Amino acid sequence: MLVVVLALGMGTGCQTPTVMPGPEGQTRPADDAAPAWPDAWPDEWPEGRLFEVDPAASEVRIIVYPDGPLARFGHPHVIGGPVVRGQVMMTEPFEQSALRLVIDVRAIELDRPEWRADEGFDPEMSASDIRNTRDNMLSESQLDAKRHPEIRIESLGMSGPAWQPDIDVRVEVAGRQRELTVPVSLAMNADGLVASGRFSFNQSDFGITPFSAAGGNLRVADAVLVRFRIVATQP
């Protein structure tokens, strides 16, 4: 499911035009009255089947696009990797199920050739472009990885059929919280579960000003697209 997150950066050079993500998955202010999961989780969760996320088998990819009048001179970027850990509790009734996930911001990778090829982008990026983009992404003005090394996601409620639920989640990025509803495809058997899906959001919702250059004529688009695949097994 989820996650959610976010990053910026821009190189230079020509690039095939890209399709921007749509307006689905818009965030909303975090509800201060909504219960937060206790630090002692999962001990205080409802009874159910507990699953541990397998970081090696799970993956998040975040796609950011160039924008502005000079967008053709920018690069889209694919950001992510096997950086998710956490737990999922599946209960009866299903609607009381819950999850809590953490993304290690400092472990995020950029622009693996196979990721870029999957998105229809030129698979080759220079090492300097990747390095500069990552440095900017982790900087204080963006994800502020030094003070906020994790992106946190926790569920607030679930609805719909168990095989394709809509999950209300609270997401914390760079110290700011927002909520959104994420549609998820869910497959579960006796040994584990696989949850996958996609959603989009605006970086500015989390107080992040997209990177820009050339007087703002070349910039990173505010909207980003997130793809995820979460694999979890019973401990």
Protein backbone atom coordinates (compact mmCIF):
# COMPACT_ATOMS: atom_id res chain seq x y z
CA MET A 1 0.00 0.00 0.00
CA LEU A 2 0.86 2.96 0.51
CA VAL A 3 3.34 4.97 0.79
CA VAL A 4 3.48 7.55 -0.13
CA VAL A 5 6.39 9.82 -0.50
CA LEU A 6 8.25 12.41 -2.72
CA ALA A 7 11.38 13.78 -3.84
CA LEU A 8 12.75 16.25 -6.11
CA GLY A 9 15.58 17.06 -8.27
CA MET A 10 16.22 17.82 -11.86
CA GLY A 11 18.89 17.26 -14.41
CA THR A 12 19.33 18.84 -17.80
CA GLY A 13 19.15 17.44 -21.28
CA CYS A 14 16.40 16.40 -23.67
CA GLN A 15 13.84 13.88 -22.58
CA THR A 16 10.79 12.26 -24.11
CA PRO A 17 7.63 14.10 -22.99
CA THR A 18 5.96 12.43 -20.03
CA VAL A 19 2.40 12.04 -18.80
CA MET A 20 1.71 13.87 -15.55
CA PRO A 21 -0.24 12.07 -12.81
CA GLY A 22 -3.90 12.89 -12.49
CA PRO A 23 -5.66 14.55 -9.56
CA GLU A 24 -6.71 11.28 -7.90
CA GLY A 25 -5.60 10.69 -4.31
CA GLN A 26 -5.70 14.32 -3.19
CA THR A 27 -4.64 14.75 0.41
CA ARG A 28 -6.59 16.43 3.19
CA PRO A 29 -5.57 17.94 6.53
CA ALA A 30 -4.73 15.44 9.26
CA ASP A 31 -7.48 15.01 11.82
CA ASP A 32 -5.96 15.73 15.22
CA ALA A 33 -8.86 13.84 16.81
CA ALA A 34 -8.08 10.62 14.95
CA PRO A 35 -6.49 8.00 17.21
CA ALA A 36 -2.80 7.37 16.63
CA TRP A 37 -1.42 3.89 17.01
CA PRO A 38 0.42 3.50 20.33
CA ASP A 39 4.16 3.13 20.53
CA ALA A 40 3.57 -0.35 21.94
CA TRP A 41 2.03 -1.60 18.68
CA PRO A 42 1.07 -4.24 17.80
CA ASP A 43 0.48 -5.27 21.43
CA GLU A 44 -2.50 -2.90 21.73
CA TRP A 45 -4.00 -3.64 18.31
CA PRO A 46 -7.23 -5.63 17.85
CA GLU A 47 -6.94 -9.41 17.76
CA GLY A 48 -6.13 -10.85 14.36
CA ARG A 49 -3.44 -12.25 12.09
CA LEU A 50 -0.22 -10.28 12.34
CA PHE A 51 1.99 -9.97 9.24
CA GLU A 52 5.51 -8.56 9.07
CA VAL A 53 6.50 -6.63 5.95
CA ASP A 54 9.33 -8.24 3.99
CA PRO A 55 11.54 -5.28 2.98
CA ALA A 56 13.50 -7.31 0.44
CA ALA A 57 10.32 -8.29 -1.43
CA SER A 58 8.46 -4.98 -1.06
CA GLU A 59 9.04 -1.89 -3.15
CA VAL A 60 7.94 1.71 -3.53
CA ARG A 61 8.58 3.79 -6.64
CA ILE A 62 7.96 7.53 -6.78
CA ILE A 63 7.95 9.21 -10.19
CA VAL A 64 8.62 12.94 -10.44
CA TYR A 65 8.31 14.94 -13.64
CA PRO A 66 9.80 18.13 -15.06
CA ASP A 67 7.44 21.06 -15.46
CA GLY A 68 7.39 24.64 -16.70
CA PRO A 69 8.05 26.29 -20.08
CA LEU A 70 11.47 24.60 -20.28
CA ALA A 71 10.28 21.17 -19.12
CA ARG A 72 11.65 19.54 -22.28
CA PHE A 73 15.15 20.24 -20.97
CA GLY A 74 14.51 18.43 -17.69
CA HIS A 75 14.47 14.79 -16.69
CA PRO A 76 11.78 12.74 -15.01
CA HIS A 77 13.12 10.67 -12.13
CA VAL A 78 12.15 7.35 -10.55
CA ILE A 79 12.88 7.18 -6.84
CA GLY A 80 12.43 4.39 -4.31
CA GLY A 81 13.53 0.83 -3.74
CA PRO A 82 13.05 -1.91 -1.13
CA VAL A 83 12.86 0.61 1.71
CA VAL A 84 9.60 -0.28 3.47
CA ARG A 85 9.21 -2.05 6.80
CA GLY A 86 6.28 -2.42 9.18
CA GLN A 87 3.38 -4.59 10.20
CA VAL A 88 -0.17 -5.36 9.08
CA MET A 89 -2.93 -6.75 11.30
CA MET A 90 -5.80 -8.50 9.50
CA THR A 91 -8.95 -8.88 11.59
CA GLU A 92 -12.55 -10.02 11.44
CA PRO A 93 -14.42 -7.95 10.53
CA PHE A 94 -12.03 -6.86 7.82
CA GLU A 95 -12.81 -3.16 8.31
CA GLN A 96 -11.01 -3.20 11.67
CA SER A 97 -7.72 -4.30 10.09
CA ALA A 98 -4.78 -1.96 10.48
CA LEU A 99 -1.29 -1.25 9.23
CA ARG A 100 1.72 0.80 10.14
CA LEU A 101 4.58 1.30 7.68
CA VAL A 102 7.89 3.15 7.71
CA ILE A 103 10.01 4.19 4.72
CA ASP A 104 13.72 4.78 5.31
CA VAL A 105 14.35 8.06 3.48
CA ARG A 106 18.13 7.73 3.64
CA ALA A 107 18.03 4.35 1.87
CA ILE A 108 16.06 5.64 -1.13
CA GLU A 109 17.70 5.02 -4.52
CA LEU A 110 17.30 6.92 -7.78
CA ASP A 111 16.93 6.07 -11.44
CA ARG A 112 17.86 2.43 -11.73
CA PRO A 113 17.93 1.77 -15.49
CA GLU A 114 15.25 -0.93 -15.22
CA TRP A 115 12.94 1.42 -13.29
CA ARG A 116 13.29 4.12 -15.91
CA ALA A 117 12.68 1.61 -18.69
CA ASP A 118 9.50 0.44 -16.92
CA GLU A 119 8.16 4.00 -17.05
CA GLY A 120 9.11 4.49 -20.71
CA PHE A 121 11.97 6.88 -19.89
CA ASP A 122 15.48 6.83 -21.31
CA PRO A 123 17.10 4.20 -19.06
CA GLU A 124 20.47 5.92 -18.95
CA MET A 125 21.18 8.77 -16.54
CA SER A 126 24.58 10.21 -15.73
CA ALA A 127 26.02 9.42 -12.31
CA SER A 128 26.38 13.15 -11.60
CA ASP A 129 22.70 13.84 -12.37
CA ILE A 130 21.64 11.01 -10.06
CA ARG A 131 23.99 12.16 -7.30
CA ASN A 132 22.92 15.81 -7.53
CA THR A 133 19.24 14.88 -7.58
CA ARG A 134 19.58 12.65 -4.53
CA ASP A 135 21.55 15.28 -2.60
CA ASN A 136 18.86 17.85 -3.32
CA MET A 137 16.08 15.42 -2.43
CA LEU A 138 17.57 14.73 1.02
CA SER A 139 18.46 18.36 1.73
CA GLU A 140 16.97 20.49 4.50
CA SER A 141 14.78 22.38 2.03
CA GLN A 142 13.19 19.20 0.71
CA LEU A 143 12.79 15.91 2.64
CA ASP A 144 15.14 17.11 5.39
CA ALA A 145 16.43 13.56 5.89
CA LYS A 146 18.78 14.53 8.70
CA ARG A 147 15.95 15.64 10.99
CA HIS A 148 13.22 13.42 9.51
CA PRO A 149 14.85 10.16 8.37
CA GLU A 150 11.56 8.30 8.03
CA ILE A 151 8.27 8.62 6.18
CA ARG A 152 5.52 7.16 8.37
CA ILE A 153 2.20 5.73 7.20
CA GLU A 154 -0.59 4.43 9.42
CA SER A 155 -4.12 3.36 8.61
CA LEU A 156 -7.16 5.17 9.98
CA GLY A 157 -9.89 3.00 8.45
CA MET A 158 -10.74 0.56 5.66
CA SER A 159 -13.82 0.08 3.49
CA GLY A 160 -14.87 -1.88 0.43
CA PRO A 161 -14.23 -5.54 -0.38
CA ALA A 162 -11.25 -7.28 1.23
CA TRP A 163 -9.72 -7.98 -2.20
CA GLN A 164 -9.70 -4.28 -3.18
CA PRO A 165 -10.17 -2.07 -0.13
CA ASP A 166 -10.00 1.71 0.10
CA ILE A 167 -7.66 2.51 2.97
CA ASP A 168 -7.66 5.86 4.75
CA VAL A 169 -4.10 6.59 5.84
CA ARG A 170 -2.22 9.29 7.67
CA VAL A 171 1.17 10.05 6.11
CA GLU A 172 3.99 11.97 7.74
CA VAL A 173 6.64 13.47 5.45
CA ALA A 174 9.38 15.83 6.66
CA GLY A 175 7.51 16.30 9.91
CA ARG A 176 4.16 17.22 8.33
CA GLN A 177 1.07 15.03 8.38
CA ARG A 178 -1.68 14.69 5.81
CA GLU A 179 -4.42 12.14 5.14
CA LEU A 180 -5.60 10.49 1.96
CA THR A 181 -7.54 7.47 0.71
CA VAL A 182 -5.56 4.85 -1.20
CA PRO A 183 -7.22 2.12 -3.32
CA VAL A 184 -5.35 -1.16 -2.86
CA SER A 185 -5.38 -4.54 -4.59
CA LEU A 186 -4.97 -7.16 -1.86
CA ALA A 187 -4.21 -10.88 -2.21
CA MET A 188 -3.92 -13.03 0.90
CA ASN A 189 -3.33 -16.70 1.64
CA ALA A 190 -2.40 -18.83 4.64
CA ASP A 191 1.22 -17.67 4.58
CA GLY A 192 1.11 -13.99 3.73
CA LEU A 193 -0.33 -11.11 1.75
CA VAL A 194 0.55 -8.87 -1.19
CA ALA A 195 -0.85 -5.34 -1.44
CA SER A 196 -0.27 -3.16 -4.49
CA GLY A 197 -1.55 0.02 -6.05
CA ARG A 198 -0.80 3.58 -7.11
CA PHE A 199 -1.80 7.09 -6.13
CA SER A 200 -0.66 10.68 -6.61
CA PHE A 201 -0.29 13.71 -4.36
CA ASN A 202 1.20 17.19 -4.36
CA GLN A 203 4.53 17.85 -2.68
CA SER A 204 3.30 21.26 -1.56
CA ASP A 205 0.69 19.51 0.60
CA PHE A 206 3.61 18.56 2.86
CA GLY A 207 5.21 22.00 2.82
CA ILE A 208 7.76 21.06 0.15
CA THR A 209 8.43 23.68 -2.52
CA PRO A 210 9.35 21.86 -5.75
CA PHE A 211 12.89 22.55 -6.91
CA SER A 212 13.17 25.12 -9.69
CA ALA A 213 15.82 26.73 -11.87
CA ALA A 214 16.07 29.27 -14.71
CA GLY A 215 13.80 31.73 -12.93
CA GLY A 216 11.15 29.07 -12.37
CA ASN A 217 10.89 28.20 -16.07
CA LEU A 218 12.41 24.78 -15.37
CA ARG A 219 11.08 23.06 -12.26
CA VAL A 220 9.92 19.83 -10.72
CA ALA A 221 6.17 19.31 -11.01
CA ASP A 222 4.24 19.58 -7.78
CA ALA A 223 2.29 16.36 -8.44
CA VAL A 224 4.11 13.04 -8.05
CA LEU A 225 3.02 9.49 -8.81
CA VAL A 226 3.58 6.65 -6.32
CA ARG A 227 3.53 2.94 -7.13
CA PHE A 228 3.84 0.33 -4.39
CA ARG A 229 3.98 -3.39 -3.77
CA ILE A 230 3.98 -4.56 -0.16
CA VAL A 231 4.72 -8.20 0.67
CA ALA A 232 4.12 -9.36 4.24
CA THR A 233 4.36 -12.78 5.90
CA GLN A 234 3.40 -14.18 9.29
CA PRO A 235 6.31 -14.20 11.73
